[in-house]
Amino acid sequence: MTSQGKKSGFTLIELMVVLAIIATLLTIAVPRYFSSLEKSREAVLQQNLALLRETLDKYYGDKGKYPDALDELVSSKYLRSVPVDPMTDSNATWVSIPPEQAEMGGVYDVKSGAQGIAHNGTEYRNW
């Protein structure tokens, strides 16, 4: 055959090898990606809990008692909005812990309402 009669292109074997390489790379990359997403959610949860606890302390320092609900922090302009729990994607799942003396208010501390275990082996609801 002359060089004008040959068709250029990829063979089926070459395409299969390329697809196999891509599949191998994806099996390495995808688990790491989802693991990093989970770790970032945990970091945001820790930051949101720290923010809420610091705001509760400031509220107590200013008013001499704890708020009756988290929404009171928003209405009193201590927060723009109640932060979202990144594990549940809701700001309504925070678990409020009241102080030992009921006359001191309704929310002494907050914990996550999320079910599950973090990368460090602790449960989210115990943070």
C-alpha atoms as a PDB file:
ATOM      1  CA  MET A   1       0.000   0.000   0.000  1.00  0.00           C
ATOM      2  CA  THR A   2       1.063   3.501  -0.535  1.00  0.00           C
ATOM      3  CA  SER A   3       1.232   6.045   2.227  1.00  0.00           C
ATOM      4  CA  GLN A   4      -1.864   7.736   0.837  1.00  0.00           C
ATOM      5  CA  GLY A   5      -3.975   4.630   1.432  1.00  0.00           C
ATOM      6  CA  LYS A   6      -3.261   4.394   5.214  1.00  0.00           C
ATOM      7  CA  LYS A   7      -5.732   5.881   7.603  1.00  0.00           C
ATOM      8  CA  SER A   8      -4.476   7.619  10.704  1.00  0.00           C
ATOM      9  CA  GLY A   9      -6.081   7.198  14.114  1.00  0.00           C
ATOM     10  CA  PHE A  10      -5.913   5.237  17.344  1.00  0.00           C
ATOM     11  CA  THR A  11      -6.395   1.524  17.582  1.00  0.00           C
ATOM     12  CA  LEU A  12      -8.793  -0.057  20.028  1.00  0.00           C
ATOM     13  CA  ILE A  13      -5.876  -1.377  22.092  1.00  0.00           C
ATOM     14  CA  GLU A  14      -4.388   2.126  22.465  1.00  0.00           C
ATOM     15  CA  LEU A  15      -7.735   3.522  23.587  1.00  0.00           C
ATOM     16  CA  MET A  16      -8.202   0.703  26.101  1.00  0.00           C
ATOM     17  CA  VAL A  17      -4.728   1.308  27.579  1.00  0.00           C
ATOM     18  CA  VAL A  18      -5.461   5.021  28.001  1.00  0.00           C
ATOM     19  CA  LEU A  19      -8.809   4.273  29.655  1.00  0.00           C
ATOM     20  CA  ALA A  20      -7.160   1.765  31.995  1.00  0.00           C
ATOM     21  CA  ILE A  21      -4.583   4.376  33.045  1.00  0.00           C
ATOM     22  CA  ILE A  22      -7.310   6.958  33.659  1.00  0.00           C
ATOM     23  CA  ALA A  23      -9.343   4.446  35.712  1.00  0.00           C
ATOM     24  CA  THR A  24      -6.271   3.604  37.817  1.00  0.00           C
ATOM     25  CA  LEU A  25      -5.604   7.271  38.523  1.00  0.00           C
ATOM     26  CA  LEU A  26      -9.244   7.815  39.498  1.00  0.00           C
ATOM     27  CA  THR A  27      -9.183   4.919  41.964  1.00  0.00           C
ATOM     28  CA  ILE A  28      -6.293   6.661  43.705  1.00  0.00           C
ATOM     29  CA  ALA A  29      -7.640  10.222  43.579  1.00  0.00           C
ATOM     30  CA  VAL A  30     -11.355   9.839  44.378  1.00  0.00           C
ATOM     31  CA  PRO A  31     -11.019   8.366  47.926  1.00  0.00           C
ATOM     32  CA  ARG A  32      -8.541  11.085  48.847  1.00  0.00           C
ATOM     33  CA  TYR A  33     -10.921  13.730  47.534  1.00  0.00           C
ATOM     34  CA  PHE A  34     -13.846  12.513  49.633  1.00  0.00           C
ATOM     35  CA  SER A  35     -11.607  12.145  52.665  1.00  0.00           C
ATOM     36  CA  SER A  36     -10.474  15.749  52.324  1.00  0.00           C
ATOM     37  CA  LEU A  37     -14.108  16.877  52.045  1.00  0.00           C
ATOM     38  CA  GLU A  38     -14.933  15.094  55.299  1.00  0.00           C
ATOM     39  CA  LYS A  39     -11.930  16.619  57.067  1.00  0.00           C
ATOM     40  CA  SER A  40     -12.910  20.090  55.896  1.00  0.00           C
ATOM     41  CA  ARG A  41     -16.454  19.595  57.251  1.00  0.00           C
ATOM     42  CA  GLU A  42     -14.974  18.568  60.588  1.00  0.00           C
ATOM     43  CA  ALA A  43     -12.806  21.697  60.636  1.00  0.00           C
ATOM     44  CA  VAL A  44     -15.835  23.886  59.911  1.00  0.00           C
ATOM     45  CA  LEU A  45     -17.789  22.123  62.663  1.00  0.00           C
ATOM     46  CA  GLN A  46     -15.033  22.801  65.174  1.00  0.00           C
ATOM     47  CA  GLN A  47     -14.870  26.444  64.109  1.00  0.00           C
ATOM     48  CA  ASN A  48     -18.656  26.886  64.330  1.00  0.00           C
ATOM     49  CA  LEU A  49     -18.731  25.313  67.789  1.00  0.00           C
ATOM     50  CA  ALA A  50     -15.927  27.624  68.943  1.00  0.00           C
ATOM     51  CA  LEU A  51     -17.791  30.636  67.539  1.00  0.00           C
ATOM     52  CA  LEU A  52     -21.048  29.690  69.259  1.00  0.00           C
ATOM     53  CA  ARG A  53     -19.334  29.037  72.594  1.00  0.00           C
ATOM     54  CA  GLU A  54     -17.424  32.309  72.442  1.00  0.00           C
ATOM     55  CA  THR A  55     -20.632  34.176  71.588  1.00  0.00           C
ATOM     56  CA  LEU A  56     -22.467  32.513  74.486  1.00  0.00           C
ATOM     57  CA  ASP A  57     -19.693  33.650  76.837  1.00  0.00           C
ATOM     58  CA  LYS A  58     -19.895  37.223  75.521  1.00  0.00           C
ATOM     59  CA  TYR A  59     -23.675  37.225  75.906  1.00  0.00           C
ATOM     60  CA  TYR A  60     -23.318  35.994  79.484  1.00  0.00           C
ATOM     61  CA  GLY A  61     -20.665  38.619  80.208  1.00  0.00           C
ATOM     62  CA  ASP A  62     -22.905  41.404  78.922  1.00  0.00           C
ATOM     63  CA  LYS A  63     -26.300  40.316  80.273  1.00  0.00           C
ATOM     64  CA  GLY A  64     -25.429  38.209  83.309  1.00  0.00           C
ATOM     65  CA  LYS A  65     -27.401  35.206  82.067  1.00  0.00           C
ATOM     66  CA  TYR A  66     -27.361  32.830  79.137  1.00  0.00           C
ATOM     67  CA  PRO A  67     -29.835  33.139  76.252  1.00  0.00           C
ATOM     68  CA  ASP A  68     -33.007  31.088  76.294  1.00  0.00           C
ATOM     69  CA  ALA A  69     -32.385  29.902  72.708  1.00  0.00           C
ATOM     70  CA  LEU A  70     -29.728  30.294  70.023  1.00  0.00           C
ATOM     71  CA  ASP A  71     -32.055  32.558  68.045  1.00  0.00           C
ATOM     72  CA  GLU A  72     -31.777  35.076  70.875  1.00  0.00           C
ATOM     73  CA  LEU A  73     -28.117  35.567  69.914  1.00  0.00           C
ATOM     74  CA  VAL A  74     -29.282  36.656  66.474  1.00  0.00           C
ATOM     75  CA  SER A  75     -32.076  38.922  67.714  1.00  0.00           C
ATOM     76  CA  SER A  76     -29.657  40.567  70.174  1.00  0.00           C
ATOM     77  CA  LYS A  77     -27.176  41.164  67.310  1.00  0.00           C
ATOM     78  CA  TYR A  78     -24.450  38.918  68.714  1.00  0.00           C
ATOM     79  CA  LEU A  79     -24.575  36.847  65.526  1.00  0.00           C
ATOM     80  CA  ARG A  80     -25.855  37.612  62.032  1.00  0.00           C
ATOM     81  CA  SER A  81     -27.306  34.135  61.832  1.00  0.00           C
ATOM     82  CA  VAL A  82     -26.987  30.845  63.661  1.00  0.00           C
ATOM     83  CA  PRO A  83     -24.188  28.925  61.944  1.00  0.00           C
ATOM     84  CA  VAL A  84     -24.982  25.767  60.035  1.00  0.00           C
ATOM     85  CA  ASP A  85     -23.839  22.414  61.343  1.00  0.00           C
ATOM     86  CA  PRO A  86     -21.847  21.188  58.312  1.00  0.00           C
ATOM     87  CA  MET A  87     -22.472  17.540  59.137  1.00  0.00           C
ATOM     88  CA  THR A  88     -26.256  17.907  59.016  1.00  0.00           C
ATOM     89  CA  ASP A  89     -26.459  20.953  56.695  1.00  0.00           C
ATOM     90  CA  SER A  90     -28.899  22.594  59.087  1.00  0.00           C
ATOM     91  CA  ASN A  91     -28.768  25.223  61.792  1.00  0.00           C
ATOM     92  CA  ALA A  92     -31.674  23.600  63.648  1.00  0.00           C
ATOM     93  CA  THR A  93     -29.790  20.466  64.730  1.00  0.00           C
ATOM     94  CA  TRP A  94     -27.598  22.076  67.388  1.00  0.00           C
ATOM     95  CA  VAL A  95     -28.108  20.452  70.782  1.00  0.00           C
ATOM     96  CA  SER A  96     -28.460  23.084  73.494  1.00  0.00           C
ATOM     97  CA  ILE A  97     -27.110  22.260  76.935  1.00  0.00           C
ATOM     98  CA  PRO A  98     -28.745  24.267  79.749  1.00  0.00           C
ATOM     99  CA  PRO A  99     -26.810  25.589  82.748  1.00  0.00           C
ATOM    100  CA  GLU A 100     -27.074  23.783  86.069  1.00  0.00           C
ATOM    101  CA  GLN A 101     -29.240  26.559  87.496  1.00  0.00           C
ATOM    102  CA  ALA A 102     -32.381  27.120  85.446  1.00  0.00           C
ATOM    103  CA  GLU A 103     -32.606  30.828  86.311  1.00  0.00           C
ATOM    104  CA  MET A 104     -29.319  31.477  84.458  1.00  0.00           C
ATOM    105  CA  GLY A 105     -30.931  30.939  81.035  1.00  0.00           C
ATOM    106  CA  GLY A 106     -31.470  28.121  78.596  1.00  0.00           C
ATOM    107  CA  VAL A 107     -28.282  27.635  76.564  1.00  0.00           C
ATOM    108  CA  TYR A 108     -25.018  27.201  78.462  1.00  0.00           C
ATOM    109  CA  ASP A 109     -23.239  25.167  75.768  1.00  0.00           C
ATOM    110  CA  VAL A 110     -23.932  23.677  72.342  1.00  0.00           C
ATOM    111  CA  LYS A 111     -23.011  20.400  70.722  1.00  0.00           C
ATOM    112  CA  SER A 112     -23.505  19.014  67.255  1.00  0.00           C
ATOM    113  CA  GLY A 113     -26.601  16.961  66.583  1.00  0.00           C
ATOM    114  CA  ALA A 114     -24.798  14.964  63.904  1.00  0.00           C
ATOM    115  CA  GLN A 115     -24.502  11.212  64.088  1.00  0.00           C
ATOM    116  CA  GLY A 116     -21.214   9.579  63.205  1.00  0.00           C
ATOM    117  CA  ILE A 117     -17.583   9.341  64.151  1.00  0.00           C
ATOM    118  CA  ALA A 118     -14.834  11.780  63.213  1.00  0.00           C
ATOM    119  CA  HIS A 119     -11.434  10.902  61.792  1.00  0.00           C
ATOM    120  CA  ASN A 120      -9.934  11.113  65.281  1.00  0.00           C
ATOM    121  CA  GLY A 121     -12.333   8.426  66.578  1.00  0.00           C
ATOM    122  CA  THR A 122     -14.620  10.657  68.654  1.00  0.00           C
ATOM    123  CA  GLU A 123     -18.332  11.117  68.058  1.00  0.00           C
ATOM    124  CA  TYR A 124     -19.498  14.426  66.630  1.00  0.00           C
ATOM    125  CA  ARG A 125     -22.166  14.779  69.305  1.00  0.00           C
ATOM    126  CA  ASN A 126     -19.447  14.820  72.002  1.00  0.00           C
ATOM    127  CA  TRP A 127     -17.555  17.797  70.583  1.00  0.00           C
END
